[in-house]
N, C-alpha and C. Protein backbone atom coordinates (compact mmCIF):
# COMPACT_ATOMS: atom_id res chain seq x y z
N MET A 1 96.46 48.05 -75.05
CA MET A 1 97.72 48.08 -74.36
C MET A 1 98.27 46.66 -74.31
N SER A 2 99.51 46.51 -74.66
CA SER A 2 100.09 45.17 -74.65
C SER A 2 100.37 44.73 -73.22
N GLU A 3 100.60 43.43 -73.08
CA GLU A 3 100.83 42.87 -71.74
C GLU A 3 102.15 43.38 -71.16
N LYS A 4 103.15 43.60 -72.02
CA LYS A 4 104.44 44.10 -71.54
C LYS A 4 104.28 45.52 -70.98
N ASN A 5 103.53 46.35 -71.67
CA ASN A 5 103.32 47.71 -71.19
C ASN A 5 102.51 47.72 -69.90
N ALA A 6 101.58 46.80 -69.76
CA ALA A 6 100.78 46.73 -68.55
C ALA A 6 101.65 46.37 -67.35
N LYS A 7 102.68 45.53 -67.55
CA LYS A 7 103.57 45.17 -66.44
C LYS A 7 104.51 46.31 -66.08
N ASP A 8 104.82 47.17 -67.05
CA ASP A 8 105.73 48.29 -66.79
C ASP A 8 105.07 49.41 -66.01
N ILE A 9 103.74 49.46 -66.03
CA ILE A 9 103.05 50.50 -65.29
C ILE A 9 103.11 50.16 -63.81
N ILE A 10 103.60 51.10 -63.04
CA ILE A 10 103.74 50.90 -61.60
C ILE A 10 102.76 51.82 -60.90
N HIS A 11 102.12 51.29 -59.91
CA HIS A 11 101.20 52.11 -59.12
C HIS A 11 101.99 53.26 -58.50
N PRO A 12 101.45 54.47 -58.48
CA PRO A 12 102.21 55.63 -57.98
C PRO A 12 102.72 55.48 -56.56
N ASP A 13 102.03 54.75 -55.73
CA ASP A 13 102.43 54.63 -54.33
C ASP A 13 103.21 53.36 -54.03
N SER A 14 103.52 52.55 -55.05
CA SER A 14 104.15 51.27 -54.76
C SER A 14 105.56 51.44 -54.21
N HIS A 15 106.32 52.42 -54.68
CA HIS A 15 107.65 52.62 -54.14
C HIS A 15 107.61 53.22 -52.74
N MET A 16 106.52 53.86 -52.39
CA MET A 16 106.40 54.44 -51.06
C MET A 16 106.08 53.38 -50.00
N LEU A 17 105.51 52.27 -50.42
CA LEU A 17 105.15 51.24 -49.46
C LEU A 17 106.39 50.63 -48.81
N LYS A 18 107.50 50.59 -49.52
CA LYS A 18 108.72 50.01 -48.97
C LYS A 18 109.42 50.96 -48.01
N ASN A 19 109.16 52.25 -48.12
CA ASN A 19 109.88 53.25 -47.35
C ASN A 19 109.11 53.76 -46.14
N ARG A 20 108.11 53.07 -45.72
CA ARG A 20 107.33 53.54 -44.58
C ARG A 20 108.09 53.32 -43.28
N VAL A 21 107.85 54.20 -42.33
CA VAL A 21 108.46 54.09 -41.01
C VAL A 21 107.58 53.20 -40.17
N LYS A 22 108.17 52.18 -39.59
CA LYS A 22 107.40 51.28 -38.74
C LYS A 22 107.26 51.90 -37.36
N ILE A 23 106.04 51.98 -36.88
CA ILE A 23 105.77 52.51 -35.56
C ILE A 23 105.80 51.35 -34.58
N PRO A 24 106.67 51.42 -33.59
CA PRO A 24 106.80 50.29 -32.68
C PRO A 24 105.54 50.08 -31.84
N GLU A 25 105.18 48.84 -31.69
CA GLU A 25 104.03 48.49 -30.85
C GLU A 25 104.48 48.44 -29.40
N VAL A 26 103.75 49.10 -28.55
CA VAL A 26 104.06 49.14 -27.12
C VAL A 26 102.95 48.40 -26.40
N PRO A 27 103.28 47.42 -25.54
CA PRO A 27 102.24 46.64 -24.88
C PRO A 27 101.37 47.45 -23.91
N HIS A 28 101.90 48.48 -23.31
CA HIS A 28 101.11 49.30 -22.38
C HIS A 28 100.81 50.64 -23.04
N SER A 29 99.84 51.34 -22.51
CA SER A 29 99.43 52.60 -23.12
C SER A 29 100.12 53.81 -22.48
N GLY A 30 101.16 53.57 -21.70
CA GLY A 30 101.88 54.67 -21.04
C GLY A 30 102.82 55.38 -22.00
N PHE A 31 103.62 56.28 -21.45
CA PHE A 31 104.55 57.07 -22.24
C PHE A 31 105.72 56.21 -22.70
N SER A 32 106.15 56.42 -23.94
CA SER A 32 107.27 55.68 -24.48
C SER A 32 108.13 56.62 -25.32
N PHE A 33 109.43 56.72 -24.98
CA PHE A 33 110.32 57.54 -25.78
C PHE A 33 110.49 56.98 -27.19
N ARG A 34 110.42 55.67 -27.31
CA ARG A 34 110.58 55.03 -28.62
C ARG A 34 109.44 55.42 -29.57
N LYS A 35 108.24 55.40 -29.06
CA LYS A 35 107.10 55.78 -29.89
C LYS A 35 107.11 57.29 -30.14
N LEU A 36 107.51 58.07 -29.15
CA LEU A 36 107.61 59.51 -29.33
C LEU A 36 108.62 59.84 -30.43
N TRP A 37 109.77 59.17 -30.45
CA TRP A 37 110.78 59.43 -31.46
C TRP A 37 110.29 59.06 -32.86
N ALA A 38 109.49 58.01 -32.97
CA ALA A 38 108.96 57.61 -34.28
C ALA A 38 108.05 58.69 -34.85
N PHE A 39 107.31 59.37 -34.01
CA PHE A 39 106.42 60.43 -34.49
C PHE A 39 107.13 61.78 -34.58
N MET A 40 108.13 61.99 -33.74
CA MET A 40 108.77 63.30 -33.66
C MET A 40 109.83 63.51 -34.74
N GLY A 41 110.38 62.47 -35.30
CA GLY A 41 111.47 62.59 -36.27
C GLY A 41 111.18 63.53 -37.42
N PRO A 42 110.12 63.30 -38.21
CA PRO A 42 109.84 64.21 -39.34
C PRO A 42 109.53 65.64 -38.90
N GLY A 43 108.85 65.79 -37.79
CA GLY A 43 108.54 67.13 -37.29
C GLY A 43 109.80 67.87 -36.85
N PHE A 44 110.74 67.15 -36.28
CA PHE A 44 112.00 67.76 -35.85
C PHE A 44 112.78 68.26 -37.06
N LEU A 45 112.81 67.47 -38.13
CA LEU A 45 113.51 67.90 -39.34
C LEU A 45 112.87 69.14 -39.96
N MET A 46 111.55 69.21 -39.93
CA MET A 46 110.87 70.39 -40.48
C MET A 46 111.11 71.62 -39.62
N SER A 47 111.20 71.44 -38.31
CA SER A 47 111.44 72.60 -37.45
C SER A 47 112.84 73.16 -37.67
N ILE A 48 113.81 72.31 -37.99
CA ILE A 48 115.16 72.79 -38.29
C ILE A 48 115.14 73.64 -39.56
N ALA A 49 114.33 73.25 -40.53
CA ALA A 49 114.26 74.00 -41.78
C ALA A 49 113.69 75.40 -41.57
N TYR A 50 112.82 75.57 -40.60
CA TYR A 50 112.21 76.87 -40.35
C TYR A 50 113.03 77.75 -39.41
N LEU A 51 114.02 77.19 -38.74
CA LEU A 51 114.81 77.97 -37.79
C LEU A 51 116.24 78.18 -38.28
N ASP A 52 116.38 78.58 -39.52
CA ASP A 52 117.71 78.85 -40.03
C ASP A 52 118.18 80.24 -39.57
N PRO A 53 119.47 80.52 -39.60
CA PRO A 53 119.97 81.80 -39.09
C PRO A 53 119.40 83.02 -39.81
N GLY A 54 119.19 82.93 -41.11
CA GLY A 54 118.63 84.05 -41.85
C GLY A 54 117.22 84.38 -41.41
N ASN A 55 116.44 83.36 -41.14
CA ASN A 55 115.06 83.56 -40.68
C ASN A 55 115.05 84.20 -39.30
N ILE A 56 115.90 83.74 -38.42
CA ILE A 56 115.96 84.31 -37.07
C ILE A 56 116.40 85.77 -37.13
N GLU A 57 117.39 86.06 -37.97
CA GLU A 57 117.87 87.44 -38.09
C GLU A 57 116.80 88.37 -38.64
N SER A 58 116.08 87.93 -39.66
CA SER A 58 115.02 88.78 -40.22
C SER A 58 113.88 88.96 -39.22
N ASP A 59 113.60 87.94 -38.43
CA ASP A 59 112.58 88.08 -37.38
C ASP A 59 113.01 89.10 -36.33
N LEU A 60 114.27 89.05 -35.94
CA LEU A 60 114.76 90.00 -34.94
C LEU A 60 114.76 91.43 -35.48
N GLN A 61 115.16 91.60 -36.73
CA GLN A 61 115.18 92.94 -37.32
C GLN A 61 113.78 93.52 -37.45
N SER A 62 112.84 92.71 -37.91
CA SER A 62 111.47 93.22 -38.04
C SER A 62 110.86 93.48 -36.67
N GLY A 63 111.24 92.71 -35.67
CA GLY A 63 110.74 92.93 -34.32
C GLY A 63 111.26 94.22 -33.71
N THR A 64 112.52 94.57 -34.00
CA THR A 64 113.05 95.82 -33.45
C THR A 64 112.44 97.04 -34.13
N GLN A 65 112.08 96.91 -35.38
CA GLN A 65 111.51 98.06 -36.08
C GLN A 65 110.01 98.22 -35.83
N ALA A 66 109.27 97.13 -35.82
CA ALA A 66 107.81 97.21 -35.70
C ALA A 66 107.32 97.09 -34.26
N GLU A 67 108.19 96.67 -33.36
CA GLU A 67 107.85 96.44 -31.95
C GLU A 67 106.67 95.47 -31.85
N TYR A 68 105.59 95.87 -31.20
CA TYR A 68 104.47 94.95 -31.00
C TYR A 68 103.35 95.11 -32.03
N ARG A 69 103.56 95.95 -33.02
CA ARG A 69 102.50 96.20 -34.00
C ARG A 69 102.24 95.00 -34.90
N LEU A 70 103.21 94.12 -35.08
CA LEU A 70 103.04 92.95 -35.95
C LEU A 70 102.79 91.66 -35.17
N LEU A 71 102.47 91.78 -33.91
CA LEU A 71 102.24 90.59 -33.10
C LEU A 71 101.03 89.81 -33.59
N TRP A 72 100.03 90.48 -34.11
CA TRP A 72 98.84 89.80 -34.64
C TRP A 72 99.19 88.94 -35.86
N VAL A 73 100.18 89.38 -36.64
CA VAL A 73 100.61 88.59 -37.80
C VAL A 73 101.26 87.29 -37.33
N LEU A 74 102.07 87.39 -36.30
CA LEU A 74 102.73 86.21 -35.74
C LEU A 74 101.71 85.21 -35.21
N LEU A 75 100.74 85.70 -34.47
CA LEU A 75 99.71 84.83 -33.92
C LEU A 75 98.89 84.15 -35.02
N SER A 76 98.46 84.92 -36.00
CA SER A 76 97.66 84.33 -37.08
C SER A 76 98.48 83.37 -37.93
N ALA A 77 99.77 83.67 -38.15
CA ALA A 77 100.62 82.76 -38.92
C ALA A 77 100.81 81.44 -38.20
N HIS A 78 100.95 81.48 -36.88
CA HIS A 78 101.09 80.24 -36.11
C HIS A 78 99.81 79.41 -36.16
N ILE A 79 98.68 80.05 -36.04
CA ILE A 79 97.41 79.32 -36.08
C ILE A 79 97.20 78.68 -37.45
N ILE A 80 97.45 79.44 -38.50
CA ILE A 80 97.30 78.89 -39.86
C ILE A 80 98.32 77.78 -40.10
N GLY A 81 99.56 77.97 -39.62
CA GLY A 81 100.59 76.94 -39.78
C GLY A 81 100.22 75.65 -39.06
N LEU A 82 99.70 75.76 -37.84
CA LEU A 82 99.28 74.57 -37.11
C LEU A 82 98.14 73.86 -37.82
N PHE A 83 97.21 74.64 -38.36
CA PHE A 83 96.09 74.07 -39.10
C PHE A 83 96.58 73.32 -40.34
N LEU A 84 97.49 73.92 -41.09
CA LEU A 84 98.00 73.28 -42.31
C LEU A 84 98.83 72.04 -41.98
N GLN A 85 99.61 72.09 -40.90
CA GLN A 85 100.37 70.91 -40.52
C GLN A 85 99.46 69.78 -40.07
N ARG A 86 98.38 70.12 -39.41
CA ARG A 86 97.40 69.11 -39.00
C ARG A 86 96.77 68.46 -40.22
N LEU A 87 96.40 69.27 -41.21
CA LEU A 87 95.83 68.73 -42.44
C LEU A 87 96.84 67.87 -43.19
N SER A 88 98.10 68.30 -43.22
CA SER A 88 99.14 67.52 -43.89
C SER A 88 99.36 66.18 -43.20
N ALA A 89 99.31 66.18 -41.88
CA ALA A 89 99.47 64.93 -41.15
C ALA A 89 98.32 63.98 -41.43
N ARG A 90 97.11 64.50 -41.51
CA ARG A 90 95.97 63.64 -41.83
C ARG A 90 96.07 63.09 -43.24
N LEU A 91 96.55 63.91 -44.15
CA LEU A 91 96.69 63.49 -45.54
C LEU A 91 97.78 62.43 -45.68
N GLY A 92 98.86 62.58 -44.91
CA GLY A 92 99.98 61.65 -44.99
C GLY A 92 99.72 60.32 -44.32
N VAL A 93 98.83 60.27 -43.36
CA VAL A 93 98.57 59.03 -42.63
C VAL A 93 97.46 58.31 -43.27
């Protein structure tokens, strides 16, 4: 490999290093809205994606037809979703 080609190769994560969100340092260990907002921002955006009007309407329609028979699906989906989001957060940090 020539030296020019070696310089053109960019580490896959090098562009991501510039775009990281800085977490503000707080001198005390108490509650801070600033630190909460730094962690809550990406989660808030993802929650908006899951609560679109079509999703809410389909949930309401299936709830009126199935009543409580599909409640176990909702519970298991939430548990699996929380587990996957936890794993994604660990992978991203």
